[in-house]
Amino acid sequence: MNWQPPSFPPRRHQTTQQQQVGQLIIAGALVIFLPQLPLGNYLLYPFTILTTWFHEMGHGMAALALGWEFERLVLLSDGSGYAESFSPANPSAFATALVSLGGPLGPTVIGAALIAATRRQEFWRPALYVLAAIILVSTLIWVRSMVGFLVLPLIAAALVAIALKARPGLVRFAVQFLGVLGALSMLRDWHYLFSHSAVIGGRPMLSDTGALEEALWLPYWLWAILIIAISGAMVGAALKYALAEDGGPHR
C-alpha cells in the first residue's frame, strides 16, 4: 500500500467583518485628514489627480454612451481638470444633463464598485489590474496634458506592482483606499457642487450643477443635494454588500 502525504486546502486570507470595517475606517480617515497634516497635500497629490480623472472620465464616458465624441481630457497641476466632448447638432436638454451628471457621479460609481470588490479575495487583484488598464488606455486615447502624462502612468504602475507583489492584506487595503477615495471625493468637490460657475484653467465656465440648471431648470443647489443623495445611496449599497456576513473568507 503506497503512502501519500495528507492534502490540505489552499490557505485562505482570514479577515473578519470587524477587520473589514476597521480598514475602511482607516482608509476614510487617511482620505479626510491627510490633507490637514504637514506635507499631507503633497502625499495625497497623485490621488487628487486620480479623483479628477475619475470625474472627467465620468463626463467622457457619459458623452460616448450618448453617441457624442469624447475629444480630450485635461488634468491641471492644481488638481482641477476638464473634459471636452462634441455633441451632434441640437442635442436634447436631457442628453446634455446626463453628460453633466456623469462627472460628479463618476467617482462615486468607481468608488462603490471598488468597495464592493473588497468582499471577495478573488476580486482584489483583478480590480487593481482593471483600474490600471483603464488608466493607461485613457491616457493614450484622451489625456492631453503633461500632468496627466506624468502622473497617471505612475499610478497605474503602482497599482500593478501592488497587485503583483503585495501580500493579500495590503492588496485589499489598496482597493479599499481607492474605493473610499472615490466615494468621498464629493467632500473635496463640495464647494464646486454648490457653485453655479467656476474658473478652471483660467477659463470661466458653468459648474456641473450649473449646467444641470441650465438644461433642466431646477436650481443648481438642488441638483447638488440630489447628487449627494444619489452618491450616498450608492456608497451605502456598496458598503452593505461588502460587509455582508457571508462575505468572509474565500479562496
Foldseek 3Di string as FASTA:
>chain_A
DDDDDDDDDDDWDFDALVNLVVLLVVLLCLLPCQVVDVCSCVVCVLVLLVLQVLLQVLLVVLCVVVVWAFAAWEADNVSHTHTDIGDPPPDALVSLLSSLLRRLCRLLVLLLVLLLQLLALVSLLVNLQVVLVVLVVCCVHHYDYPVSVPRSNVSSVVSNCCSVDNDSVVSSSVSSSSSSSSLCVCVVCVVLQVDQWDQDPNRIDGGSLVSNCVSPVDHSNVVSVVSNVVSVVSNVVSNCNSSPNVSTIDD
